[in-house]
């Protein structure tokens, strides 16, 4: 994996979230992928669990953009980004995601680093 491949993945990921397109988000993931969002919460695994998790995201995210370049090492990369979402109230959340990608270019694991200190009201 190189920076341009990782950038293409994160661009598609953020565009799909903002577009509210659950199928586009899920298409980025391998069938047995895991998501830990935020880090420290119980990991979710498999299409059904990811579908339920991301349905909330695509229903609430209204804007998203990267805050810096991707950082790649082997088949893994991290990227800082921010989202705006309606979660009872409109908020902005700054996040750093860590992705692991397989040989087919599908995400096999995603861990999101953020906490309440990274959430601010809009």
PDB file of N, CA and C in Angstrom:
ATOM      1  N   UNK A   1       0.848  -1.175   0.000  1.00  0.00           N
ATOM      2  CA  UNK A   1       0.000   0.000   0.000  1.00  0.00           C
ATOM      3  C   UNK A   1       0.890   1.234   0.000  1.00  0.00           C
ATOM      4  N   UNK A   2       0.481   2.214  -0.781  1.00  0.00           N
ATOM      5  CA  UNK A   2       1.213   3.485  -0.793  1.00  0.00           C
ATOM      6  C   UNK A   2       0.256   4.616  -0.396  1.00  0.00           C
ATOM      7  N   UNK A   3       0.813   5.812  -0.272  1.00  0.00           N
ATOM      8  CA  UNK A   3       0.002   6.948   0.183  1.00  0.00           C
ATOM      9  C   UNK A   3      -1.167   7.241  -0.742  1.00  0.00           C
ATOM     10  N   UNK A   4      -0.978   7.110  -2.050  1.00  0.00           N
ATOM     11  CA  UNK A   4      -2.083   7.425  -2.960  1.00  0.00           C
ATOM     12  C   UNK A   4      -3.209   6.403  -2.827  1.00  0.00           C
ATOM     13  N   UNK A   5      -2.882   5.134  -2.604  1.00  0.00           N
ATOM     14  CA  UNK A   5      -3.924   4.123  -2.394  1.00  0.00           C
ATOM     15  C   UNK A   5      -4.672   4.382  -1.085  1.00  0.00           C
ATOM     16  N   UNK A   6      -3.919   4.702  -0.035  1.00  0.00           N
ATOM     17  CA  UNK A   6      -4.548   4.996   1.253  1.00  0.00           C
ATOM     18  C   UNK A   6      -5.421   6.245   1.161  1.00  0.00           C
ATOM     19  N   UNK A   7      -4.935   7.251   0.456  1.00  0.00           N
ATOM     20  CA  UNK A   7      -5.708   8.482   0.280  1.00  0.00           C
ATOM     21  C   UNK A   7      -7.003   8.201  -0.472  1.00  0.00           C
ATOM     22  N   UNK A   8      -6.946   7.334  -1.479  1.00  0.00           N
ATOM     23  CA  UNK A   8      -8.156   6.980  -2.225  1.00  0.00           C
ATOM     24  C   UNK A   8      -9.177   6.298  -1.314  1.00  0.00           C
ATOM     25  N   UNK A   9      -8.704   5.442  -0.418  1.00  0.00           N
ATOM     26  CA  UNK A   9      -9.612   4.759   0.510  1.00  0.00           C
ATOM     27  C   UNK A   9     -10.262   5.761   1.459  1.00  0.00           C
ATOM     28  N   UNK A  10      -9.470   6.631   2.065  1.00  0.00           N
ATOM     29  CA  UNK A  10     -10.051   7.571   3.031  1.00  0.00           C
ATOM     30  C   UNK A  10     -10.954   8.587   2.330  1.00  0.00           C
ATOM     31  N   UNK A  11     -10.600   8.991   1.118  1.00  0.00           N
ATOM     32  CA  UNK A  11     -11.476   9.905   0.375  1.00  0.00           C
ATOM     33  C   UNK A  11     -12.832   9.255   0.115  1.00  0.00           C
ATOM     34  N   UNK A  12     -12.830   7.998  -0.325  1.00  0.00           N
ATOM     35  CA  UNK A  12     -14.082   7.290  -0.586  1.00  0.00           C
ATOM     36  C   UNK A  12     -14.863   7.104   0.719  1.00  0.00           C
ATOM     37  N   UNK A  13     -14.179   6.777   1.785  1.00  0.00           N
ATOM     38  CA  UNK A  13     -14.794   6.570   3.098  1.00  0.00           C
ATOM     39  C   UNK A  13     -15.526   7.833   3.558  1.00  0.00           C
ATOM     40  N   UNK A  14     -14.832   8.963   3.533  1.00  0.00           N
ATOM     41  CA  UNK A  14     -15.439  10.214   3.996  1.00  0.00           C
ATOM     42  C   UNK A  14     -16.548  10.678   3.060  1.00  0.00           C
ATOM     43  N   UNK A  15     -16.343  10.554   1.746  1.00  0.00           N
ATOM     44  CA  UNK A  15     -17.390  10.943   0.787  1.00  0.00           C
ATOM     45  C   UNK A  15     -18.640  10.097   0.975  1.00  0.00           C
ATOM     46  N   UNK A  16     -18.471   8.799   1.200  1.00  0.00           N
ATOM     47  CA  UNK A  16     -19.618   7.911   1.394  1.00  0.00           C
ATOM     48  C   UNK A  16     -20.364   8.245   2.683  1.00  0.00           C
ATOM     49  N   UNK A  17     -19.623   8.565   3.751  1.00  0.00           N
ATOM     50  CA  UNK A  17     -20.280   8.959   5.002  1.00  0.00           C
ATOM     51  C   UNK A  17     -21.144  10.196   4.799  1.00  0.00           C
ATOM     52  N   UNK A  18     -20.569  11.222   4.177  1.00  0.00           N
ATOM     53  CA  UNK A  18     -21.296  12.479   3.971  1.00  0.00           C
ATOM     54  C   UNK A  18     -22.488  12.276   3.035  1.00  0.00           C
ATOM     55  N   UNK A  19     -22.323  11.411   2.036  1.00  0.00           N
ATOM     56  CA  UNK A  19     -23.409  11.137   1.091  1.00  0.00           C
ATOM     57  C   UNK A  19     -24.516  10.295   1.721  1.00  0.00           C
ATOM     58  N   UNK A  20     -24.258   9.749   2.907  1.00  0.00           N
ATOM     59  CA  UNK A  20     -25.254   8.898   3.546  1.00  0.00           C
ATOM     60  C   UNK A  20     -25.396   7.554   2.867  1.00  0.00           C
ATOM     61  N   UNK A  21     -24.320   7.080   2.234  1.00  0.00           N
ATOM     62  CA  UNK A  21     -24.368   5.869   1.418  1.00  0.00           C
ATOM     63  C   UNK A  21     -23.759   4.682   2.165  1.00  0.00           C
ATOM     64  N   UNK A  22     -24.592   3.969   2.882  1.00  0.00           N
ATOM     65  CA  UNK A  22     -24.151   2.827   3.673  1.00  0.00           C
ATOM     66  C   UNK A  22     -23.475   1.772   2.812  1.00  0.00           C
ATOM     67  N   UNK A  23     -24.033   1.472   1.651  1.00  0.00           N
ATOM     68  CA  UNK A  23     -23.449   0.440   0.790  1.00  0.00           C
ATOM     69  C   UNK A  23     -22.033   0.796   0.354  1.00  0.00           C
ATOM     70  N   UNK A  24     -21.782   2.063   0.052  1.00  0.00           N
ATOM     71  CA  UNK A  24     -20.425   2.497  -0.330  1.00  0.00           C
ATOM     72  C   UNK A  24     -19.449   2.333   0.822  1.00  0.00           C
ATOM     73  N   UNK A  25     -19.880   2.671   2.032  1.00  0.00           N
ATOM     74  CA  UNK A  25     -19.008   2.497   3.197  1.00  0.00           C
ATOM     75  C   UNK A  25     -18.695   1.017   3.378  1.00  0.00           C
ATOM     76  N   UNK A  26     -19.715   0.179   3.387  1.00  0.00           N
ATOM     77  CA  UNK A  26     -19.508  -1.252   3.618  1.00  0.00           C
ATOM     78  C   UNK A  26     -18.685  -1.907   2.519  1.00  0.00           C
ATOM     79  N   UNK A  27     -18.762  -1.399   1.298  1.00  0.00           N
ATOM     80  CA  UNK A  27     -17.988  -1.960   0.186  1.00  0.00           C
ATOM     81  C   UNK A  27     -16.485  -1.808   0.398  1.00  0.00           C
ATOM     82  N   UNK A  28     -16.080  -0.893   1.248  1.00  0.00           N
ATOM     83  CA  UNK A  28     -14.656  -0.700   1.538  1.00  0.00           C
ATOM     84  C   UNK A  28     -14.106  -1.783   2.464  1.00  0.00           C
ATOM     85  N   UNK A  29     -14.972  -2.506   3.155  1.00  0.00           N
ATOM     86  CA  UNK A  29     -14.580  -3.469   4.182  1.00  0.00           C
ATOM     87  C   UNK A  29     -14.624  -4.909   3.687  1.00  0.00           C
ATOM     88  N   UNK A  30     -13.685  -5.724   4.193  1.00  0.00           N
ATOM     89  CA  UNK A  30     -13.741  -7.172   4.014  1.00  0.00           C
ATOM     90  C   UNK A  30     -14.922  -7.704   4.830  1.00  0.00           C
ATOM     91  N   UNK A  31     -15.445  -8.859   4.440  1.00  0.00           N
ATOM     92  CA  UNK A  31     -16.628  -9.411   5.109  1.00  0.00           C
ATOM     93  C   UNK A  31     -16.416  -9.680   6.598  1.00  0.00           C
ATOM     94  N   UNK A  32     -15.186 -10.020   6.995  1.00  0.00           N
ATOM     95  CA  UNK A  32     -14.906 -10.352   8.395  1.00  0.00           C
ATOM     96  C   UNK A  32     -14.174  -9.231   9.133  1.00  0.00           C
ATOM     97  N   UNK A  33     -14.269  -8.020   8.618  1.00  0.00           N
ATOM     98  CA  UNK A  33     -13.549  -6.873   9.189  1.00  0.00           C
ATOM     99  C   UNK A  33     -14.005  -6.566  10.610  1.00  0.00           C
ATOM    100  N   UNK A  34     -13.112  -5.898  11.342  1.00  0.00           N
ATOM    101  CA  UNK A  34     -13.434  -5.440  12.691  1.00  0.00           C
ATOM    102  C   UNK A  34     -13.364  -3.916  12.753  1.00  0.00           C
ATOM    103  N   UNK A  35     -14.204  -3.342  13.610  1.00  0.00           N
ATOM    104  CA  UNK A  35     -14.214  -1.901  13.867  1.00  0.00           C
ATOM    105  C   UNK A  35     -14.228  -1.704  15.376  1.00  0.00           C
ATOM    106  N   UNK A  36     -13.303  -0.888  15.857  1.00  0.00           N
ATOM    107  CA  UNK A  36     -13.248  -0.519  17.272  1.00  0.00           C
ATOM    108  C   UNK A  36     -13.327   1.004  17.330  1.00  0.00           C
ATOM    109  N   UNK A  37     -14.529   1.515  17.611  1.00  0.00           N
ATOM    110  CA  UNK A  37     -14.774   2.953  17.530  1.00  0.00           C
ATOM    111  C   UNK A  37     -15.682   3.392  18.671  1.00  0.00           C
ATOM    112  N   UNK A  38     -15.078   4.090  19.667  1.00  0.00           N
ATOM    113  CA  UNK A  38     -13.678   4.462  19.790  1.00  0.00           C
ATOM    114  C   UNK A  38     -12.844   3.307  20.349  1.00  0.00           C
ATOM    115  N   UNK A  39     -11.520   3.461  20.263  1.00  0.00           N
ATOM    116  CA  UNK A  39     -10.619   2.465  20.827  1.00  0.00           C
ATOM    117  C   UNK A  39     -10.966   2.280  22.298  1.00  0.00           C
ATOM    118  N   UNK A  40     -11.037   1.037  22.721  1.00  0.00           N
ATOM    119  CA  UNK A  40     -11.422   0.712  24.094  1.00  0.00           C
ATOM    120  C   UNK A  40     -12.839   0.190  24.191  1.00  0.00           C
ATOM    121  N   UNK A  41     -13.652   0.447  23.164  1.00  0.00           N
ATOM    122  CA  UNK A  41     -15.003  -0.105  23.140  1.00  0.00           C
ATOM    123  C   UNK A  41     -14.928  -1.525  22.573  1.00  0.00           C
ATOM    124  N   UNK A  42     -15.951  -2.344  22.810  1.00  0.00           N
ATOM    125  CA  UNK A  42     -15.911  -3.705  22.275  1.00  0.00           C
ATOM    126  C   UNK A  42     -15.830  -3.683  20.744  1.00  0.00           C
ATOM    127  N   UNK A  43     -14.893  -4.432  20.171  1.00  0.00           N
ATOM    128  CA  UNK A  43     -14.786  -4.466  18.708  1.00  0.00           C
ATOM    129  C   UNK A  43     -16.038  -5.082  18.079  1.00  0.00           C
ATOM    130  N   UNK A  44     -16.435  -4.518  16.962  1.00  0.00           N
ATOM    131  CA  UNK A  44     -17.533  -5.056  16.162  1.00  0.00           C
ATOM    132  C   UNK A  44     -16.917  -5.874  15.042  1.00  0.00           C
ATOM    133  N   UNK A  45     -17.559  -6.978  14.656  1.00  0.00           N
ATOM    134  CA  UNK A  45     -17.014  -7.781  13.567  1.00  0.00           C
ATOM    135  C   UNK A  45     -18.127  -8.303  12.682  1.00  0.00           C
ATOM    136  N   UNK A  46     -17.854  -8.290  11.381  1.00  0.00           N
ATOM    137  CA  UNK A  46     -18.772  -8.853  10.408  1.00  0.00           C
ATOM    138  C   UNK A  46     -19.714  -7.823   9.814  1.00  0.00           C
ATOM    139  N   UNK A  47     -20.274  -8.194   8.682  1.00  0.00           N
ATOM    140  CA  UNK A  47     -21.104  -7.296   7.882  1.00  0.00           C
ATOM    141  C   UNK A  47     -22.308  -6.770   8.653  1.00  0.00           C
ATOM    142  N   UNK A  48     -22.996  -7.633   9.391  1.00  0.00           N
ATOM    143  CA  UNK A  48     -24.206  -7.208  10.108  1.00  0.00           C
ATOM    144  C   UNK A  48     -23.884  -6.171  11.187  1.00  0.00           C
ATOM    145  N   UNK A  49     -22.839  -6.427  11.969  1.00  0.00           N
ATOM    146  CA  UNK A  49     -22.455  -5.492  13.034  1.00  0.00           C
ATOM    147  C   UNK A  49     -21.980  -4.164  12.456  1.00  0.00           C
ATOM    148  N   UNK A  50     -21.187  -4.225  11.385  1.00  0.00           N
ATOM    149  CA  UNK A  50     -20.696  -2.989  10.764  1.00  0.00           C
ATOM    150  C   UNK A  50     -21.837  -2.215  10.123  1.00  0.00           C
ATOM    151  N   UNK A  51     -22.790  -2.923   9.549  1.00  0.00           N
ATOM    152  CA  UNK A  51     -23.942  -2.266   8.933  1.00  0.00           C
ATOM    153  C   UNK A  51     -24.742  -1.482   9.975  1.00  0.00           C
ATOM    154  N   UNK A  52     -24.989  -2.083  11.123  1.00  0.00           N
ATOM    155  CA  UNK A  52     -25.737  -1.391  12.181  1.00  0.00           C
ATOM    156  C   UNK A  52     -24.962  -0.179  12.693  1.00  0.00           C
ATOM    157  N   UNK A  53     -23.654  -0.331  12.880  1.00  0.00           N
ATOM    158  CA  UNK A  53     -22.818   0.767  13.363  1.00  0.00           C
ATOM    159  C   UNK A  53     -22.793   1.917  12.364  1.00  0.00           C
ATOM    160  N   UNK A  54     -22.524   1.602  11.102  1.00  0.00           N
ATOM    161  CA  UNK A  54     -22.384   2.658  10.103  1.00  0.00           C
ATOM    162  C   UNK A  54     -23.713   3.267   9.689  1.00  0.00           C
ATOM    163  N   UNK A  55     -24.834   2.582   9.926  1.00  0.00           N
ATOM    164  CA  UNK A  55     -26.127   3.198   9.634  1.00  0.00           C
ATOM    165  C   UNK A  55     -26.297   4.465  10.457  1.00  0.00           C
ATOM    166  N   UNK A  56     -25.894   4.420  11.718  1.00  0.00           N
ATOM    167  CA  UNK A  56     -25.961   5.608  12.581  1.00  0.00           C
ATOM    168  C   UNK A  56     -25.069   6.709  12.013  1.00  0.00           C
ATOM    169  N   UNK A  57     -23.872   6.333  11.568  1.00  0.00           N
ATOM    170  CA  UNK A  57     -22.935   7.328  11.034  1.00  0.00           C
ATOM    171  C   UNK A  57     -23.476   7.985   9.768  1.00  0.00           C
ATOM    172  N   UNK A  58     -23.938   7.191   8.815  1.00  0.00           N
ATOM    173  CA  UNK A  58     -24.402   7.789   7.553  1.00  0.00           C
ATOM    174  C   UNK A  58     -25.669   8.607   7.753  1.00  0.00           C
ATOM    175  N   UNK A  59     -26.428   8.300   8.794  1.00  0.00           N
ATOM    176  CA  UNK A  59     -27.630   9.083   9.092  1.00  0.00           C
ATOM    177  C   UNK A  59     -27.314  10.400   9.795  1.00  0.00           C
ATOM    178  N   UNK A  60     -26.124  10.522  10.388  1.00  0.00           N
ATOM    179  CA  UNK A  60     -25.846  11.702  11.203  1.00  0.00           C
ATOM    180  C   UNK A  60     -24.721  12.595  10.692  1.00  0.00           C
ATOM    181  N   UNK A  61     -23.784  12.063   9.906  1.00  0.00           N
ATOM    182  CA  UNK A  61     -22.638  12.858   9.448  1.00  0.00           C
ATOM    183  C   UNK A  61     -23.065  13.779   8.312  1.00  0.00           C
ATOM    184  N   UNK A  62     -22.765  15.072   8.457  1.00  0.00           N
ATOM    185  CA  UNK A  62     -23.123  16.049   7.419  1.00  0.00           C
ATOM    186  C   UNK A  62     -21.905  16.642   6.719  1.00  0.00           C
ATOM    187  N   UNK A  63     -20.729  16.499   7.310  1.00  0.00           N
ATOM    188  CA  UNK A  63     -19.502  17.020   6.698  1.00  0.00           C
ATOM    189  C   UNK A  63     -18.324  16.226   7.241  1.00  0.00           C
ATOM    190  N   UNK A  64     -17.278  16.120   6.420  1.00  0.00           N
ATOM    191  CA  UNK A  64     -16.064  15.420   6.845  1.00  0.00           C
ATOM    192  C   UNK A  64     -14.904  15.897   5.994  1.00  0.00           C
ATOM    193  N   UNK A  65     -13.737  16.024   6.618  1.00  0.00           N
ATOM    194  CA  UNK A  65     -12.538  16.404   5.869  1.00  0.00           C
ATOM    195  C   UNK A  65     -11.300  15.950   6.635  1.00  0.00           C
ATOM    196  N   UNK A  66     -10.243  15.676   5.892  1.00  0.00           N
ATOM    197  CA  UNK A  66      -8.994  15.282   6.530  1.00  0.00           C
ATOM    198  C   UNK A  66      -8.347  16.505   7.170  1.00  0.00           C
ATOM    199  N   UNK A  67      -7.562  16.245   8.201  1.00  0.00           N
ATOM    200  CA  UNK A  67      -6.843  17.303   8.912  1.00  0.00           C
ATOM    201  C   UNK A  67      -5.345  17.232   8.646  1.00  0.00           C
ATOM    202  N   UNK A  68      -4.942  16.299   7.812  1.00  0.00           N
ATOM    203  CA  UNK A  68      -3.534  16.123   7.486  1.00  0.00           C
ATOM    204  C   UNK A  68      -3.377  14.924   6.576  1.00  0.00           C
ATOM    205  N   UNK A  69      -2.153  14.662   6.142  1.00  0.00           N
ATOM    206  CA  UNK A  69      -1.927  13.562   5.208  1.00  0.00           C
ATOM    207  C   UNK A  69      -2.022  12.198   5.888  1.00  0.00           C
ATOM    208  N   UNK A  70      -2.251  11.168   5.060  1.00  0.00           N
ATOM    209  CA  UNK A  70      -2.203   9.801   5.562  1.00  0.00           C
ATOM    210  C   UNK A  70      -0.754   9.445   5.867  1.00  0.00           C
ATOM    211  N   UNK A  71      -0.591   8.501   6.778  1.00  0.00           N
ATOM    212  CA  UNK A  71       0.729   7.955   7.092  1.00  0.00           C
ATOM    213  C   UNK A  71       0.648   6.456   6.877  1.00  0.00           C
ATOM    214  N   UNK A  72       1.454   5.934   5.946  1.00  0.00           N
ATOM    215  CA  UNK A  72       1.415   4.518   5.577  1.00  0.00           C
ATOM    216  C   UNK A  72       2.633   3.774   6.090  1.00  0.00           C
ATOM    217  N   UNK A  73       2.428   2.520   6.447  1.00  0.00           N
ATOM    218  CA  UNK A  73       3.503   1.586   6.772  1.00  0.00           C
ATOM    219  C   UNK A  73       2.990   0.193   6.429  1.00  0.00           C
ATOM    220  N   UNK A  74       3.587  -0.417   5.421  1.00  0.00           N
ATOM    221  CA  UNK A  74       3.124  -1.734   4.991  1.00  0.00           C
ATOM    222  C   UNK A  74       1.692  -1.655   4.511  1.00  0.00           C
ATOM    223  N   UNK A  75       0.844  -2.515   5.060  1.00  0.00           N
ATOM    224  CA  UNK A  75      -0.570  -2.530   4.661  1.00  0.00           C
ATOM    225  C   UNK A  75      -1.458  -1.788   5.663  1.00  0.00           C
ATOM    226  N   UNK A  76      -0.862  -0.852   6.412  1.00  0.00           N
ATOM    227  CA  UNK A  76      -1.610  -0.086   7.405  1.00  0.00           C
ATOM    228  C   UNK A  76      -1.423   1.403   7.170  1.00  0.00           C
ATOM    229  N   UNK A  77      -2.423   2.180   7.584  1.00  0.00           N
ATOM    230  CA  UNK A  77      -2.274   3.633   7.516  1.00  0.00           C
ATOM    231  C   UNK A  77      -3.124   4.300   8.583  1.00  0.00           C
ATOM    232  N   UNK A  78      -2.728   5.524   8.926  1.00  0.00           N
ATOM    233  CA  UNK A  78      -3.502   6.359   9.839  1.00  0.00           C
ATOM    234  C   UNK A  78      -3.825   7.663   9.127  1.00  0.00           C
ATOM    235  N   UNK A  79      -4.892   8.296   9.581  1.00  0.00           N
ATOM    236  CA  UNK A  79      -5.268   9.589   9.014  1.00  0.00           C
ATOM    237  C   UNK A  79      -6.054  10.389  10.051  1.00  0.00           C
ATOM    238  N   UNK A  80      -5.694  11.660  10.231  1.00  0.00           N
ATOM    239  CA  UNK A  80      -6.492  12.535  11.092  1.00  0.00           C
ATOM    240  C   UNK A  80      -7.600  13.187  10.264  1.00  0.00           C
ATOM    241  N   UNK A  81      -8.796  13.238  10.822  1.00  0.00           N
ATOM    242  CA  UNK A  81      -9.898  13.883  10.107  1.00  0.00           C
ATOM    243  C   UNK A  81     -10.918  14.404  11.104  1.00  0.00           C
ATOM    244  N   UNK A  82     -11.851  15.179  10.603  1.00  0.00           N
ATOM    245  CA  UNK A  82     -12.927  15.720  11.430  1.00  0.00           C
ATOM    246  C   UNK A  82     -14.254  15.479  10.740  1.00  0.00           C
ATOM    247  N   UNK A  83     -15.272  15.269  11.553  1.00  0.00           N
ATOM    248  CA  UNK A  83     -16.632  15.159  11.034  1.00  0.00           C
ATOM    249  C   UNK A  83     -17.516  16.161  11.758  1.00  0.00           C
ATOM    250  N   UNK A  84     -18.604  16.527  11.106  1.00  0.00           N
ATOM    251  CA  UNK A  84     -19.703  17.243  11.744  1.00  0.00           C
ATOM    252  C   UNK A  84     -20.886  16.298  11.705  1.00  0.00           C
ATOM    253  N   UNK A  85     -21.559  16.170  12.846  1.00  0.00           N
ATOM    254  CA  UNK A  85     -22.658  15.215  12.927  1.00  0.00           C
ATOM    255  C   UNK A  85     -23.749  15.741  13.844  1.00  0.00           C
ATOM    256  N   UNK A  86     -24.953  15.274  13.588  1.00  0.00           N
ATOM    257  CA  UNK A  86     -26.092  15.572  14.454  1.00  0.00           C
ATOM    258  C   UNK A  86     -26.330  14.355  15.330  1.00  0.00           C
ATOM    259  N   UNK A  87     -25.928  14.462  16.578  1.00  0.00           N
ATOM    260  CA  UNK A  87     -26.074  13.372  17.547  1.00  0.00           C
ATOM    261  C   UNK A  87     -26.856  13.910  18.744  1.00  0.00           C
ATOM    262  N   UNK A  88     -28.102  14.214  18.505  1.00  0.00           N
ATOM    263  CA  UNK A  88     -28.900  14.924  19.500  1.00  0.00           C
ATOM    264  C   UNK A  88     -28.696  16.418  19.338  1.00  0.00           C
ATOM    265  N   UNK A  89     -27.446  16.833  19.330  1.00  0.00           N
ATOM    266  CA  UNK A  89     -27.042  18.209  19.029  1.00  0.00           C
ATOM    267  C   UNK A  89     -25.978  18.133  17.942  1.00  0.00           C
ATOM    268  N   UNK A  90     -25.790  19.247  17.238  1.00  0.00           N
ATOM    269  CA  UNK A  90     -24.761  19.274  16.190  1.00  0.00           C
ATOM    270  C   UNK A  90     -23.388  19.406  16.849  1.00  0.00           C
ATOM    271  N   UNK A  91     -22.466  18.502  16.470  1.00  0.00           N
ATOM    272  CA  UNK A  91     -21.128  18.484  17.057  1.00  0.00           C
ATOM    273  C   UNK A  91     -20.075  18.300  15.968  1.00  0.00           C
ATOM    274  N   UNK A  92     -18.852  18.668  16.311  1.00  0.00           N
ATOM    275  CA  UNK A  92     -17.677  18.362  15.496  1.00  0.00           C
ATOM    276  C   UNK A  92     -16.818  17.407  16.314  1.00  0.00           C
ATOM    277  N   UNK A  93     -16.275  16.397  15.647  1.00  0.00           N
ATOM    278  CA  UNK A  93     -15.417  15.424  16.319  1.00  0.00           C
ATOM    279  C   UNK A  93     -14.131  15.286  15.515  1.00  0.00           C
ATOM    280  N   UNK A  94     -12.992  15.455  16.184  1.00  0.00           N
ATOM    281  CA  UNK A  94     -11.692  15.226  15.551  1.00  0.00           C
ATOM    282  C   UNK A  94     -11.229  13.826  15.928  1.00  0.00           C
ATOM    283  N   UNK A  95     -10.832  13.063  14.914  1.00  0.00           N
ATOM    284  CA  UNK A  95     -10.559  11.632  15.058  1.00  0.00           C
ATOM    285  C   UNK A  95      -9.256  11.297  14.344  1.00  0.00           C
ATOM    286  N   UNK A  96      -8.560  10.293  14.833  1.00  0.00           N
ATOM    287  CA  UNK A  96      -7.473   9.670  14.077  1.00  0.00           C
ATOM    288  C   UNK A  96      -7.866   8.214  13.896  1.00  0.00           C
ATOM    289  N   UNK A  97      -8.017   7.792  12.653  1.00  0.00           N
ATOM    290  CA  UNK A  97      -8.348   6.400  12.358  1.00  0.00           C
ATOM    291  C   UNK A  97      -7.103   5.645  11.928  1.00  0.00           C
ATOM    292  N   UNK A  98      -7.045   4.399  12.363  1.00  0.00           N
ATOM    293  CA  UNK A  98      -5.982   3.471  11.966  1.00  0.00           C
ATOM    294  C   UNK A  98      -6.651   2.345  11.181  1.00  0.00           C
ATOM    295  N   UNK A  99      -6.200   2.132   9.953  1.00  0.00           N
ATOM    296  CA  UNK A  99      -6.765   1.116   9.074  1.00  0.00           C
ATOM    297  C   UNK A  99      -5.730   0.046   8.755  1.00  0.00           C
ATOM    298  N   UNK A 100      -6.181  -1.206   8.651  1.00  0.00           N
ATOM    299  CA  UNK A 100      -5.390  -2.311   8.117  1.00  0.00           C
ATOM    300  C   UNK A 100      -6.126  -2.782   6.873  1.00  0.00           C
ATOM    301  N   UNK A 101      -5.381  -2.957   5.783  1.00  0.00           N
ATOM    302  CA  UNK A 101      -5.977  -3.287   4.487  1.00  0.00           C
ATOM    303  C   UNK A 101      -5.367  -4.587   3.970  1.00  0.00           C
ATOM    304  N   UNK A 102      -6.198  -5.462   3.389  1.00  0.00           N
ATOM    305  CA  UNK A 102      -5.687  -6.724   2.847  1.00  0.00           C
ATOM    306  C   UNK A 102      -5.176  -6.558   1.416  1.00  0.00           C
ATOM    307  N   UNK A 103      -4.708  -7.663   0.838  1.00  0.00           N
ATOM    308  CA  UNK A 103      -4.136  -7.631  -0.511  1.00  0.00           C
ATOM    309  C   UNK A 103      -5.153  -7.213  -1.568  1.00  0.00           C
ATOM    310  N   UNK A 104      -6.428  -7.434  -1.298  1.00  0.00           N
ATOM    311  CA  UNK A 104      -7.489  -7.060  -2.239  1.00  0.00           C
ATOM    312  C   UNK A 104      -7.878  -5.591  -2.108  1.00  0.00           C
ATOM    313  N   UNK A 105      -7.242  -4.869  -1.186  1.00  0.00           N
ATOM    314  CA  UNK A 105      -7.557  -3.458  -0.997  1.00  0.00           C
ATOM    315  C   UNK A 105      -8.757  -3.201  -0.101  1.00  0.00           C
ATOM    316  N   UNK A 106      -9.208  -4.232   0.614  1.00  0.00           N
ATOM    317  CA  UNK A 106     -10.353  -4.093   1.526  1.00  0.00           C
ATOM    318  C   UNK A 106      -9.854  -3.866   2.953  1.00  0.00           C
ATOM    319  N   UNK A 107     -10.575  -3.052   3.689  1.00  0.00           N
ATOM    320  CA  UNK A 107     -10.240  -2.789   5.087  1.00  0.00           C
ATOM    321  C   UNK A 107     -10.574  -4.035   5.909  1.00  0.00           C
ATOM    322  N   UNK A 108      -9.590  -4.521   6.679  1.00  0.00           N
ATOM    323  CA  UNK A 108      -9.821  -5.670   7.558  1.00  0.00           C
ATOM    324  C   UNK A 108      -9.966  -5.247   9.013  1.00  0.00           C
ATOM    325  N   UNK A 109      -9.454  -4.069   9.344  1.00  0.00           N
ATOM    326  CA  UNK A 109      -9.586  -3.561  10.711  1.00  0.00           C
ATOM    327  C   UNK A 109      -9.517  -2.041  10.693  1.00  0.00           C
ATOM    328  N   UNK A 110     -10.351  -1.431  11.529  1.00  0.00           N
ATOM    329  CA  UNK A 110     -10.323   0.020  11.707  1.00  0.00           C
ATOM    330  C   UNK A 110     -10.447   0.290  13.197  1.00  0.00           C
ATOM    331  N   UNK A 111      -9.558   1.147  13.701  1.00  0.00           N
ATOM    332  CA  UNK A 111      -9.603   1.591  15.092  1.00  0.00           C
ATOM    333  C   UNK A 111      -9.647   3.111  15.083  1.00  0.00           C
ATOM    334  N   UNK A 112     -10.618   3.679  15.781  1.00  0.00           N
ATOM    335  CA  UNK A 112     -10.810   5.131  15.811  1.00  0.00           C
ATOM    336  C   UNK A 112     -10.360   5.675  17.161  1.00  0.00           C
ATOM    337  N   UNK A 113      -9.405   6.595  17.105  1.00  0.00           N
ATOM    338  CA  UNK A 113      -8.876   7.216  18.315  1.00  0.00           C
ATOM    339  C   UNK A 113      -9.544   8.574  18.519  1.00  0.00           C
ATOM    340  N   UNK A 114     -10.405   8.651  19.529  1.00  0.00           N
ATOM    341  CA  UNK A 114     -11.042   9.900  19.922  1.00  0.00           C
ATOM    342  C   UNK A 114     -11.688   9.686  21.286  1.00  0.00           C
ATOM    343  N   UNK A 115     -11.976  10.776  21.957  1.00  0.00           N
ATOM    344  CA  UNK A 115     -12.664  10.718  23.246  1.00  0.00           C
ATOM    345  C   UNK A 115     -13.522  11.976  23.378  1.00  0.00           C
ATOM    346  N   UNK A 116     -14.184  12.123  24.505  1.00  0.00           N
ATOM    347  CA  UNK A 116     -15.070  13.279  24.682  1.00  0.00           C
ATOM    348  C   UNK A 116     -14.319  14.598  24.562  1.00  0.00           C
ATOM    349  N   UNK A 117     -13.009  14.590  24.830  1.00  0.00           N
ATOM    350  CA  UNK A 117     -12.209  15.810  24.695  1.00  0.00           C
ATOM    351  C   UNK A 117     -12.065  16.253  23.238  1.00  0.00           C
ATOM    352  N   UNK A 118     -12.371  15.356  22.303  1.00  0.00           N
ATOM    353  CA  UNK A 118     -12.265  15.666  20.876  1.00  0.00           C
ATOM    354  C   UNK A 118     -13.601  16.057  20.261  1.00  0.00           C
ATOM    355  N   UNK A 119     -14.623  16.208  21.093  1.00  0.00           N
ATOM    356  CA  UNK A 119     -15.969  16.561  20.632  1.00  0.00           C
ATOM    357  C   UNK A 119     -16.267  17.977  21.095  1.00  0.00           C
ATOM    358  N   UNK A 120     -16.765  18.795  20.164  1.00  0.00           N
ATOM    359  CA  UNK A 120     -17.152  20.156  20.546  1.00  0.00           C
ATOM    360  C   UNK A 120     -18.487  20.503  19.900  1.00  0.00           C
ATOM    361  N   UNK A 121     -19.296  21.291  20.581  1.00  0.00           N
ATOM    362  CA  UNK A 121     -20.592  21.684  20.020  1.00  0.00           C
ATOM    363  C   UNK A 121     -20.411  22.657  18.863  1.00  0.00           C
ATOM    364  N   UNK A 122     -21.349  22.620  17.950  1.00  0.00           N
ATOM    365  CA  UNK A 122     -21.363  23.574  16.825  1.00  0.00           C
ATOM    366  C   UNK A 122     -22.551  24.511  16.963  1.00  0.00           C
TER     367      UNK A 122
END
